[in-house]
Protein backbone atom coordinates (compact mmCIF):
# COMPACT_ATOMS: atom_id res chain seq x y z
CA MET A 1 111.79 102.57 91.22
CA ASN A 2 109.64 99.48 91.18
CA PRO A 3 107.08 100.03 88.40
CA ALA A 4 104.41 98.08 90.32
CA PHE A 5 104.81 100.30 93.38
CA LYS A 6 102.32 103.17 93.35
CA TYR A 7 102.31 106.34 95.39
CA SER A 8 100.78 109.80 95.34
CA VAL A 9 102.21 113.06 96.57
CA SER A 10 100.45 116.15 97.88
CA PRO A 11 101.89 119.22 99.62
CA ASP A 12 101.68 117.61 103.07
CA ASN A 13 101.30 113.87 102.42
CA ILE A 14 102.85 110.98 100.56
CA HIS A 15 100.51 108.02 100.24
CA LEU A 16 102.33 104.72 99.65
CA GLU A 17 99.94 102.20 98.11
CA SER A 18 100.52 98.58 99.22
CA SER A 19 103.64 99.74 101.04
CA PHE A 20 103.97 96.35 102.75
CA THR A 21 105.17 94.88 99.42
CA VAL A 22 108.34 97.00 99.44
CA PRO A 23 111.31 95.47 101.30
CA LYS A 24 113.16 97.68 103.79
CA GLU A 25 116.30 97.57 101.64
CA ASP A 26 114.36 99.59 99.04
CA PHE A 27 112.86 102.25 101.35
CA GLU A 28 115.64 104.78 100.95
CA ARG A 29 115.95 104.36 97.20
CA GLU A 30 112.18 104.72 96.72
CA LEU A 31 111.97 107.76 98.99
CA THR A 32 114.97 109.42 97.34
CA GLN A 33 113.41 108.97 93.91
CA MET A 34 110.09 110.38 95.15
CA ARG A 35 111.92 113.39 96.58
CA GLU A 36 113.69 113.98 93.27
CA GLU A 37 110.40 113.77 91.36
CA HIS A 38 108.35 115.81 93.88
CA PRO A 39 110.69 118.19 95.73
CA GLU A 40 107.82 120.59 96.48
CA SER A 41 106.22 118.35 99.13
CA LYS A 42 106.63 119.53 102.72
CA VAL A 43 107.03 115.90 103.78
CA TRP A 44 110.71 116.30 102.90
CA ASN A 45 111.06 118.48 105.99
CA ARG A 46 111.25 115.12 107.76
CA SER A 47 114.46 113.11 107.67
CA LEU A 48 114.75 110.00 105.54
CA LYS A 49 115.33 108.05 108.74
CA SER A 50 112.05 109.32 110.19
CA LEU A 51 110.18 108.35 107.01
CA LYS A 52 111.81 104.91 106.92
CA MET A 53 110.98 104.23 110.58
CA GLU A 54 107.30 105.05 110.03
CA TRP A 55 107.20 102.83 106.95
CA ALA A 56 108.90 100.02 108.93
CA VAL A 57 106.27 100.20 111.68
CA HIS A 58 103.45 99.96 109.13
CA ASN A 59 105.11 96.95 107.49
CA ALA A 60 105.64 95.24 110.86
CA LEU A 61 102.04 95.80 111.93
CA HIS A 62 100.81 94.50 108.59
CA ALA A 63 103.00 91.38 108.90
CA LEU A 64 101.52 90.78 112.36
CA GLY A 65 98.02 91.04 110.89
CA PHE A 66 97.16 94.17 112.86
CA LEU A 67 94.52 96.32 111.12
CA ARG A 68 95.66 95.07 107.73
CA SER A 69 93.22 97.30 105.86
CA ARG A 70 94.97 100.33 107.36
CA THR A 71 98.55 99.09 107.61
CA SER A 72 98.78 97.81 104.04
CA HIS A 73 99.27 101.43 102.96
CA THR A 74 101.37 104.14 104.57
CA ASP A 75 100.70 107.86 104.75
CA LEU A 76 103.76 109.97 105.47
CA ASN A 77 102.61 113.37 106.69
CA TRP A 78 103.98 116.81 107.48
CA PRO A 79 103.73 118.10 110.09
CA GLN A 80 103.84 115.11 112.37
CA SER A 81 102.67 115.31 115.96
CA ARG A 82 105.28 114.87 118.66
CA ILE A 83 103.72 111.65 119.99
CA PHE A 84 103.79 110.03 116.54
CA ARG A 85 107.33 111.27 115.88
CA ILE A 86 108.55 109.70 119.13
CA GLY A 87 106.45 106.56 118.72
CA TYR A 88 107.63 105.81 115.20
CA ALA A 89 111.25 106.52 116.16
CA ILE A 90 111.13 104.02 119.03
CA LEU A 91 108.97 101.36 117.41
CA GLY A 92 110.80 101.66 114.08
CA LYS A 93 114.12 100.82 115.69
CA LEU A 94 112.56 97.89 117.52
CA VAL A 95 110.91 96.32 114.47
CA TRP A 96 113.63 97.09 111.87
CA PRO A 97 115.62 93.86 112.45
CA PHE A 98 112.48 91.74 112.08
CA ILE A 99 110.87 93.09 108.92
CA LYS A 100 111.67 92.03 105.38
């Protein structure tokens, strides 16, 4: 895990501080380590793919300069509404090839 990367875990949320600084190649490794350290969080009811797609969308929006104060961090929640689940799944696949 990148020592400069900070996050916090609660029962229904994982807050990724400055998540835009983490390259997509590291998403799975970072999430897997978080899951090992905090298995009690309900966020793990979501698939790693779902979590990675949401993170990818936040990074893409940040790179585009869209609401940078909000998209510089990512909050991964459980439960997730159906509209957000579908939206992140679609948008995540679209932006994945273009993000770092």
